[in-house]
């Protein structure tokens, strides 16, 4: 075995040890907080009373849990579909509605 083979083996063993450490650390992470049951109301920070948020469920996206919610504007009746960490889109759009604030 020459010195380049020994160096390659050393780096391979080092990489395996690092991978094992990372897997061990991932398995010791605390579980994510519980997600409200389907259809339950979620708290809205600094609510003006204009928006109502309802949970529609959750799903796993890789290592993360995503929540699906329907946001309803109580003044216009317009609904929005939101997926946490992804974005929000208007539902059932039948034209734009202008509401005086």
N, C-alpha and C. Protein backbone atom coordinates (compact mmCIF):
# COMPACT_ATOMS: atom_id res chain seq x y z
N UNK A 1 0.86 -1.17 0.00
CA UNK A 1 0.00 0.00 0.00
C UNK A 1 0.90 1.23 0.00
N UNK A 2 0.68 2.10 -0.98
CA UNK A 2 1.50 3.32 -1.01
C UNK A 2 0.80 4.44 -0.25
N UNK A 3 1.46 5.58 -0.18
CA UNK A 3 0.94 6.67 0.65
C UNK A 3 -0.36 7.26 0.11
N UNK A 4 -0.57 7.26 -1.22
CA UNK A 4 -1.81 7.81 -1.77
C UNK A 4 -2.99 6.88 -1.44
N UNK A 5 -2.76 5.55 -1.40
CA UNK A 5 -3.81 4.62 -1.02
C UNK A 5 -4.19 4.80 0.46
N UNK A 6 -3.19 5.01 1.30
CA UNK A 6 -3.44 5.20 2.73
C UNK A 6 -4.21 6.51 2.95
N UNK A 7 -3.86 7.55 2.22
CA UNK A 7 -4.57 8.83 2.34
C UNK A 7 -6.02 8.69 1.88
N UNK A 8 -6.25 7.95 0.81
CA UNK A 8 -7.62 7.72 0.31
C UNK A 8 -8.45 6.95 1.33
N UNK A 9 -7.85 5.94 1.95
CA UNK A 9 -8.56 5.16 2.97
C UNK A 9 -8.87 6.02 4.18
N UNK A 10 -7.94 6.87 4.56
CA UNK A 10 -8.16 7.75 5.70
C UNK A 10 -9.35 8.68 5.45
N UNK A 11 -9.40 9.29 4.26
CA UNK A 11 -10.49 10.20 3.95
C UNK A 11 -11.82 9.46 3.82
N UNK A 12 -11.79 8.23 3.32
CA UNK A 12 -13.01 7.43 3.22
C UNK A 12 -13.53 7.11 4.63
N UNK A 13 -12.65 6.72 5.54
CA UNK A 13 -13.05 6.43 6.91
C UNK A 13 -13.55 7.69 7.61
N UNK A 14 -12.89 8.80 7.37
CA UNK A 14 -13.31 10.07 7.95
C UNK A 14 -14.71 10.46 7.45
N UNK A 15 -14.96 10.27 6.16
CA UNK A 15 -16.28 10.59 5.59
C UNK A 15 -17.35 9.68 6.18
N UNK A 16 -17.06 8.40 6.35
CA UNK A 16 -18.01 7.47 6.95
C UNK A 16 -18.30 7.84 8.40
N UNK A 17 -17.28 8.23 9.15
CA UNK A 17 -17.47 8.62 10.54
C UNK A 17 -18.34 9.88 10.62
N UNK A 18 -18.10 10.84 9.74
CA UNK A 18 -18.89 12.06 9.71
C UNK A 18 -20.35 11.76 9.34
N UNK A 19 -20.55 10.91 8.37
CA UNK A 19 -21.90 10.53 7.96
C UNK A 19 -22.63 9.83 9.11
N UNK A 20 -21.96 8.94 9.80
CA UNK A 20 -22.56 8.26 10.95
C UNK A 20 -22.93 9.25 12.05
N UNK A 21 -22.08 10.22 12.31
CA UNK A 21 -22.36 11.24 13.31
C UNK A 21 -23.58 12.06 12.94
N UNK A 22 -23.68 12.46 11.67
CA UNK A 22 -24.82 13.26 11.22
C UNK A 22 -26.12 12.47 11.31
N UNK A 23 -26.09 11.20 10.95
CA UNK A 23 -27.28 10.36 11.06
C UNK A 23 -27.69 10.20 12.51
N UNK A 24 -26.73 10.02 13.39
CA UNK A 24 -27.01 9.89 14.82
C UNK A 24 -27.64 11.17 15.36
N UNK A 25 -27.12 12.33 14.97
CA UNK A 25 -27.66 13.60 15.43
C UNK A 25 -29.09 13.80 14.94
N UNK A 26 -29.36 13.42 13.68
CA UNK A 26 -30.70 13.57 13.11
C UNK A 26 -31.70 12.70 13.86
N UNK A 27 -31.30 11.51 14.27
CA UNK A 27 -32.22 10.61 14.97
C UNK A 27 -32.52 11.08 16.38
N UNK A 28 -31.70 11.97 16.95
CA UNK A 28 -31.92 12.47 18.31
C UNK A 28 -32.65 13.80 18.36
N UNK A 29 -33.09 14.33 17.19
CA UNK A 29 -33.82 15.60 17.18
C UNK A 29 -35.19 15.40 17.80
N UNK A 30 -35.69 16.39 18.55
CA UNK A 30 -37.03 16.26 19.12
C UNK A 30 -38.08 16.28 18.00
N UNK A 31 -39.22 15.62 18.21
CA UNK A 31 -40.25 15.62 17.18
C UNK A 31 -40.83 17.01 17.00
N UNK A 32 -41.39 17.30 15.81
CA UNK A 32 -41.99 18.62 15.59
C UNK A 32 -43.21 18.80 16.48
N UNK A 33 -43.60 20.04 16.74
CA UNK A 33 -44.77 20.28 17.58
C UNK A 33 -46.02 19.70 16.92
N UNK A 34 -47.02 19.33 17.73
CA UNK A 34 -48.23 18.74 17.15
C UNK A 34 -48.96 19.75 16.27
N UNK A 35 -49.59 19.22 15.24
CA UNK A 35 -50.35 20.05 14.30
C UNK A 35 -51.82 19.93 14.65
N UNK A 36 -52.57 21.03 14.63
CA UNK A 36 -53.99 20.96 14.98
C UNK A 36 -54.74 19.97 14.09
N UNK A 37 -55.82 19.41 14.61
CA UNK A 37 -56.63 18.46 13.85
C UNK A 37 -57.26 19.17 12.66
N UNK A 38 -57.57 18.39 11.63
CA UNK A 38 -58.19 18.94 10.42
C UNK A 38 -59.44 19.74 10.74
N UNK A 39 -59.58 20.89 10.11
CA UNK A 39 -60.75 21.71 10.29
C UNK A 39 -60.73 22.60 11.52
N UNK A 40 -59.67 22.51 12.32
CA UNK A 40 -59.62 23.34 13.52
C UNK A 40 -59.15 24.74 13.17
N UNK A 41 -59.56 25.70 13.96
CA UNK A 41 -59.15 27.08 13.73
C UNK A 41 -57.73 27.29 14.24
N UNK A 42 -56.94 27.96 13.46
CA UNK A 42 -55.57 28.28 13.86
C UNK A 42 -55.54 29.72 14.36
N UNK A 43 -54.71 30.02 15.35
CA UNK A 43 -54.62 31.40 15.80
C UNK A 43 -53.98 32.29 14.75
N UNK A 44 -54.49 33.49 14.60
CA UNK A 44 -53.93 34.45 13.65
C UNK A 44 -53.28 35.56 14.46
N UNK A 45 -52.01 35.81 14.19
CA UNK A 45 -51.31 36.85 14.95
C UNK A 45 -51.84 38.22 14.55
N UNK A 46 -52.11 39.06 15.54
CA UNK A 46 -52.57 40.43 15.33
C UNK A 46 -53.79 40.47 14.41
N UNK A 47 -54.74 39.62 14.69
CA UNK A 47 -55.94 39.53 13.87
C UNK A 47 -56.75 40.82 13.94
N UNK A 48 -57.24 41.26 12.79
CA UNK A 48 -58.11 42.42 12.74
C UNK A 48 -59.56 41.98 12.71
N UNK A 49 -59.80 40.69 12.75
CA UNK A 49 -61.14 40.18 12.65
C UNK A 49 -61.58 40.02 11.21
N UNK A 50 -60.76 40.44 10.29
CA UNK A 50 -61.13 40.37 8.88
C UNK A 50 -60.84 38.99 8.28
N UNK A 51 -59.82 38.30 8.78
CA UNK A 51 -59.42 37.03 8.18
C UNK A 51 -59.70 35.86 9.11
N UNK A 52 -60.18 34.79 8.53
CA UNK A 52 -60.42 33.55 9.26
C UNK A 52 -59.51 32.48 8.65
N UNK A 53 -58.81 31.74 9.49
CA UNK A 53 -57.87 30.73 9.02
C UNK A 53 -58.33 29.37 9.51
N UNK A 54 -58.45 28.42 8.57
CA UNK A 54 -58.87 27.07 8.94
C UNK A 54 -57.88 26.05 8.39
N UNK A 55 -57.46 25.15 9.26
CA UNK A 55 -56.54 24.08 8.87
C UNK A 55 -57.29 23.04 8.06
N UNK A 56 -56.67 22.56 6.99
CA UNK A 56 -57.26 21.52 6.17
C UNK A 56 -56.45 20.22 6.25
N UNK A 57 -55.36 20.24 7.01
CA UNK A 57 -54.54 19.04 7.16
C UNK A 57 -53.08 19.36 6.98
N UNK A 58 -52.29 18.31 6.98
CA UNK A 58 -50.84 18.47 6.82
C UNK A 58 -50.30 17.30 6.04
N UNK A 59 -49.07 17.46 5.53
CA UNK A 59 -48.40 16.40 4.82
C UNK A 59 -46.90 16.56 5.00
N UNK A 60 -46.18 15.47 4.79
CA UNK A 60 -44.71 15.51 4.90
C UNK A 60 -44.12 15.84 3.54
N UNK A 61 -43.20 16.77 3.54
CA UNK A 61 -42.47 17.16 2.33
C UNK A 61 -41.00 17.01 2.64
N UNK A 62 -40.47 15.83 2.41
CA UNK A 62 -39.09 15.56 2.79
C UNK A 62 -38.98 15.48 4.29
N UNK A 63 -38.12 16.28 4.87
CA UNK A 63 -37.93 16.26 6.32
C UNK A 63 -38.84 17.25 7.03
N UNK A 64 -39.68 17.96 6.29
CA UNK A 64 -40.52 18.99 6.88
C UNK A 64 -42.00 18.62 6.78
N UNK A 65 -42.78 19.12 7.72
CA UNK A 65 -44.22 18.95 7.68
C UNK A 65 -44.83 20.26 7.22
N UNK A 66 -45.68 20.17 6.21
CA UNK A 66 -46.35 21.35 5.67
C UNK A 66 -47.81 21.34 6.10
N UNK A 67 -48.34 22.50 6.41
CA UNK A 67 -49.74 22.64 6.81
C UNK A 67 -50.50 23.28 5.65
N UNK A 68 -51.67 22.75 5.34
CA UNK A 68 -52.52 23.32 4.31
C UNK A 68 -53.65 24.07 5.01
N UNK A 69 -53.82 25.34 4.69
CA UNK A 69 -54.85 26.15 5.33
C UNK A 69 -55.66 26.91 4.28
N UNK A 70 -56.90 27.19 4.63
CA UNK A 70 -57.77 28.05 3.82
C UNK A 70 -57.93 29.35 4.61
N UNK A 71 -57.60 30.46 3.97
CA UNK A 71 -57.73 31.79 4.58
C UNK A 71 -58.92 32.46 3.91
N UNK A 72 -59.88 32.92 4.71
CA UNK A 72 -61.06 33.58 4.17
C UNK A 72 -61.07 35.04 4.59
N UNK A 73 -61.21 35.92 3.62
CA UNK A 73 -61.37 37.35 3.88
C UNK A 73 -62.85 37.55 4.19
N UNK A 74 -63.17 37.88 5.43
CA UNK A 74 -64.57 37.98 5.85
C UNK A 74 -65.30 39.17 5.24
N UNK A 75 -64.58 40.17 4.73
CA UNK A 75 -65.25 41.32 4.09
C UNK A 75 -65.65 41.01 2.66
N UNK A 76 -64.78 40.31 1.93
CA UNK A 76 -65.04 40.06 0.51
C UNK A 76 -65.52 38.65 0.23
N UNK A 77 -65.25 37.73 1.16
CA UNK A 77 -65.61 36.33 0.93
C UNK A 77 -64.59 35.59 0.09
N UNK A 78 -63.53 36.27 -0.32
CA UNK A 78 -62.49 35.63 -1.14
C UNK A 78 -61.71 34.65 -0.28
N UNK A 79 -61.44 33.47 -0.85
CA UNK A 79 -60.67 32.47 -0.12
C UNK A 79 -59.32 32.28 -0.78
N UNK A 80 -58.35 31.94 0.08
CA UNK A 80 -56.98 31.71 -0.37
C UNK A 80 -56.52 30.35 0.15
N UNK A 81 -55.80 29.63 -0.68
CA UNK A 81 -55.18 28.37 -0.28
C UNK A 81 -53.73 28.68 0.06
N UNK A 82 -53.29 28.27 1.25
CA UNK A 82 -51.91 28.52 1.67
C UNK A 82 -51.28 27.21 2.11
N UNK A 83 -50.04 27.03 1.73
CA UNK A 83 -49.24 25.89 2.20
C UNK A 83 -48.02 26.49 2.88
N UNK A 84 -47.85 26.17 4.18
CA UNK A 84 -46.77 26.78 4.94
C UNK A 84 -45.42 26.50 4.29
N UNK A 85 -44.62 27.53 4.20
CA UNK A 85 -43.30 27.40 3.61
C UNK A 85 -43.30 27.38 2.09
N UNK A 86 -44.46 27.47 1.45
CA UNK A 86 -44.53 27.41 -0.01
C UNK A 86 -45.16 28.66 -0.62
N UNK A 87 -46.37 28.99 -0.18
CA UNK A 87 -47.00 30.18 -0.75
C UNK A 87 -48.50 30.17 -0.57
N UNK A 88 -49.14 31.20 -1.15
CA UNK A 88 -50.57 31.40 -1.04
C UNK A 88 -51.13 31.71 -2.41
N UNK A 89 -52.33 31.17 -2.70
CA UNK A 89 -52.97 31.40 -3.99
C UNK A 89 -54.46 31.63 -3.78
N UNK A 90 -55.03 32.50 -4.57
CA UNK A 90 -56.46 32.80 -4.45
C UNK A 90 -57.28 31.65 -5.01
N UNK A 91 -58.36 31.30 -4.30
CA UNK A 91 -59.28 30.25 -4.74
C UNK A 91 -60.53 30.85 -5.35
N UNK A 92 -61.16 30.15 -6.26
CA UNK A 92 -62.47 30.51 -6.81
C UNK A 92 -62.54 31.96 -7.24
N UNK A 93 -61.59 32.38 -8.01
CA UNK A 93 -61.54 33.78 -8.44
C UNK A 93 -62.58 34.02 -9.54
N UNK A 94 -63.49 34.96 -9.28
CA UNK A 94 -64.52 35.32 -10.25
C UNK A 94 -64.40 36.80 -10.61
N UNK A 95 -63.23 37.33 -10.51
CA UNK A 95 -63.01 38.74 -10.76
C UNK A 95 -62.47 39.40 -9.50
N UNK A 96 -61.86 40.50 -9.65
CA UNK A 96 -61.29 41.23 -8.51
C UNK A 96 -62.38 41.99 -7.78
N UNK A 97 -62.22 42.08 -6.47
CA UNK A 97 -63.18 42.80 -5.63
C UNK A 97 -62.44 43.92 -4.91
N UNK A 98 -62.97 45.12 -4.97
CA UNK A 98 -62.37 46.26 -4.30
C UNK A 98 -63.18 46.55 -3.03
N UNK A 99 -62.52 46.61 -1.91
CA UNK A 99 -63.17 46.88 -0.65
C UNK A 99 -62.52 48.12 -0.04
N UNK A 100 -63.35 49.06 0.34
CA UNK A 100 -62.84 50.26 0.98
C UNK A 100 -62.41 49.93 2.39
N UNK A 101 -61.23 50.35 2.78
CA UNK A 101 -60.71 50.08 4.13
C UNK A 101 -61.25 51.07 5.11
